[in-house]
C-alpha cells in the first residue's frame, strides 16, 4: 500500500506540472508561428515586441514547488516501502 501511494505521489504531480506547462507551450508556439509575441504575464498573443520572457516557475511558484515537494515525498515513500519489503 505504501509503495502504491509513493508511486502515485511520485508520478501524478509531475504529470500535472508537465500538463500545465505543455498547454502554455502550445499557446506560445501557436503565437510565434502566427508572427506575434507572447505576453507571459497576461497569457495572450500580442503584436508589439515589448513583452519580456518570464519563466514558468517564476509565474507559478506555488504549483511548481508543491508538485516538486509531492514528488520528493513520493520518492521517499517508495524508498521506505522498498526497504521494508527487503527486510
C-alpha atoms as a PDB file:
ATOM      1  CA  UNK A   1       0.000   0.000   0.000  1.00  0.00           C
ATOM      2  CA  UNK A   2       2.848   2.367   0.886  1.00  0.00           C
ATOM      3  CA  UNK A   3       4.559   1.683  -2.441  1.00  0.00           C
ATOM      4  CA  UNK A   4       1.374   2.409  -4.396  1.00  0.00           C
ATOM      5  CA  UNK A   5       0.880   5.693  -2.553  1.00  0.00           C
ATOM      6  CA  UNK A   6       4.515   6.606  -3.142  1.00  0.00           C
ATOM      7  CA  UNK A   7       4.284   5.869  -6.851  1.00  0.00           C
ATOM      8  CA  UNK A   8       1.085   7.876  -7.068  1.00  0.00           C
ATOM      9  CA  UNK A   9       2.712  10.848  -5.322  1.00  0.00           C
ATOM     10  CA  UNK A  10       5.789  10.486  -7.487  1.00  0.00           C
ATOM     11  CA  UNK A  11       4.021  10.473 -10.841  1.00  0.00           C
ATOM     12  CA  UNK A  12       0.754  12.418 -10.635  1.00  0.00           C
ATOM     13  CA  UNK A  13       2.167  15.813  -9.546  1.00  0.00           C
ATOM     14  CA  UNK A  14       4.808  15.664 -12.271  1.00  0.00           C
ATOM     15  CA  UNK A  15       2.201  14.789 -14.890  1.00  0.00           C
ATOM     16  CA  UNK A  16       0.081  17.694 -13.672  1.00  0.00           C
ATOM     17  CA  UNK A  17       3.060  20.032 -13.879  1.00  0.00           C
ATOM     18  CA  UNK A  18       4.043  18.850 -17.349  1.00  0.00           C
ATOM     19  CA  UNK A  19       0.433  19.203 -18.498  1.00  0.00           C
ATOM     20  CA  UNK A  20       0.152  22.789 -17.262  1.00  0.00           C
ATOM     21  CA  UNK A  21       3.470  23.682 -18.870  1.00  0.00           C
ATOM     22  CA  UNK A  22       2.530  21.877 -22.096  1.00  0.00           C
ATOM     23  CA  UNK A  23      -0.753  23.734 -22.501  1.00  0.00           C
ATOM     24  CA  UNK A  24       1.066  27.042 -22.202  1.00  0.00           C
ATOM     25  CA  UNK A  25       3.811  25.845 -24.541  1.00  0.00           C
ATOM     26  CA  UNK A  26       1.249  25.117 -27.253  1.00  0.00           C
ATOM     27  CA  UNK A  27      -0.198  28.630 -26.862  1.00  0.00           C
ATOM     28  CA  UNK A  28       3.256  30.220 -27.074  1.00  0.00           C
ATOM     29  CA  UNK A  29       4.197  28.116 -30.091  1.00  0.00           C
ATOM     30  CA  UNK A  30       0.988  28.990 -31.943  1.00  0.00           C
ATOM     31  CA  UNK A  31       1.503  32.665 -31.193  1.00  0.00           C
ATOM     32  CA  UNK A  32       5.072  32.651 -32.500  1.00  0.00           C
ATOM     33  CA  UNK A  33       4.080  30.764 -35.649  1.00  0.00           C
ATOM     34  CA  UNK A  34       1.410  33.384 -36.318  1.00  0.00           C
ATOM     35  CA  UNK A  35       4.084  36.093 -36.143  1.00  0.00           C
ATOM     36  CA  UNK A  36       3.145  37.553 -32.775  1.00  0.00           C
ATOM     37  CA  UNK A  37       4.859  37.796 -29.414  1.00  0.00           C
ATOM     38  CA  UNK A  38       3.544  36.063 -26.320  1.00  0.00           C
ATOM     39  CA  UNK A  39       2.804  38.162 -23.259  1.00  0.00           C
ATOM     40  CA  UNK A  40       3.566  35.793 -20.391  1.00  0.00           C
ATOM     41  CA  UNK A  41       2.029  37.998 -17.699  1.00  0.00           C
ATOM     42  CA  UNK A  42      -1.370  38.251 -19.374  1.00  0.00           C
ATOM     43  CA  UNK A  43      -1.257  34.906 -21.203  1.00  0.00           C
ATOM     44  CA  UNK A  44      -2.106  36.261 -24.628  1.00  0.00           C
ATOM     45  CA  UNK A  45      -0.584  36.844 -28.027  1.00  0.00           C
ATOM     46  CA  UNK A  46       0.340  40.480 -28.747  1.00  0.00           C
ATOM     47  CA  UNK A  47       1.673  42.327 -31.773  1.00  0.00           C
ATOM     48  CA  UNK A  48       4.268  44.548 -30.064  1.00  0.00           C
ATOM     49  CA  UNK A  49       7.680  43.253 -29.011  1.00  0.00           C
ATOM     50  CA  UNK A  50       7.621  44.733 -25.500  1.00  0.00           C
ATOM     51  CA  UNK A  51       6.565  41.545 -23.723  1.00  0.00           C
ATOM     52  CA  UNK A  52       9.509  40.079 -21.764  1.00  0.00           C
ATOM     53  CA  UNK A  53      10.041  36.369 -21.183  1.00  0.00           C
ATOM     54  CA  UNK A  54       9.155  35.284 -17.655  1.00  0.00           C
ATOM     55  CA  UNK A  55       9.907  31.645 -16.742  1.00  0.00           C
ATOM     56  CA  UNK A  56       7.049  29.293 -15.890  1.00  0.00           C
ATOM     57  CA  UNK A  57       8.415  28.642 -12.400  1.00  0.00           C
ATOM     58  CA  UNK A  58       8.530  32.361 -11.669  1.00  0.00           C
ATOM     59  CA  UNK A  59       4.914  32.867 -12.735  1.00  0.00           C
ATOM     60  CA  UNK A  60       3.574  29.753 -10.971  1.00  0.00           C
ATOM     61  CA  UNK A  61       5.855  29.214  -7.970  1.00  0.00           C
ATOM     62  CA  UNK A  62       3.236  27.506  -5.780  1.00  0.00           C
ATOM     63  CA  UNK A  63       2.323  24.970  -8.463  1.00  0.00           C
ATOM     64  CA  UNK A  64       5.937  24.126  -9.266  1.00  0.00           C
ATOM     65  CA  UNK A  65       7.148  23.890  -5.686  1.00  0.00           C
ATOM     66  CA  UNK A  66       4.161  21.889  -4.426  1.00  0.00           C
ATOM     67  CA  UNK A  67       4.460  19.414  -7.305  1.00  0.00           C
ATOM     68  CA  UNK A  68       8.172  19.006  -6.690  1.00  0.00           C
ATOM     69  CA  UNK A  69       7.720  18.527  -2.934  1.00  0.00           C
ATOM     70  CA  UNK A  70       4.941  15.992  -3.536  1.00  0.00           C
ATOM     71  CA  UNK A  71       7.188  14.089  -5.947  1.00  0.00           C
ATOM     72  CA  UNK A  72      10.002  14.113  -3.368  1.00  0.00           C
ATOM     73  CA  UNK A  73       7.607  12.776  -0.743  1.00  0.00           C
ATOM     74  CA  UNK A  74       6.515  10.070  -3.186  1.00  0.00           C
ATOM     75  CA  UNK A  75      10.120   9.096  -3.788  1.00  0.00           C
ATOM     76  CA  UNK A  76      10.730   8.846  -0.047  1.00  0.00           C
ATOM     77  CA  UNK A  77       7.631   6.697   0.419  1.00  0.00           C
ATOM     78  CA  UNK A  78       8.780   4.403  -2.390  1.00  0.00           C
ATOM     79  CA  UNK A  79      12.218   4.056  -0.839  1.00  0.00           C
ATOM     80  CA  UNK A  80      10.745   3.278   2.589  1.00  0.00           C
ATOM     81  CA  UNK A  81       8.330   0.728   1.122  1.00  0.00           C
ATOM     82  CA  UNK A  82      11.080  -0.969  -0.869  1.00  0.00           C
ATOM     83  CA  UNK A  83      13.401  -1.001   2.150  1.00  0.00           C
ATOM     84  CA  UNK A  84      10.725  -2.574   4.341  1.00  0.00           C
ATOM     85  CA  UNK A  85       9.949  -5.274   1.788  1.00  0.00           C
ATOM     86  CA  UNK A  86      13.602  -6.396   1.636  1.00  0.00           C
ATOM     87  CA  UNK A  87      13.901  -6.873   5.401  1.00  0.00           C
END
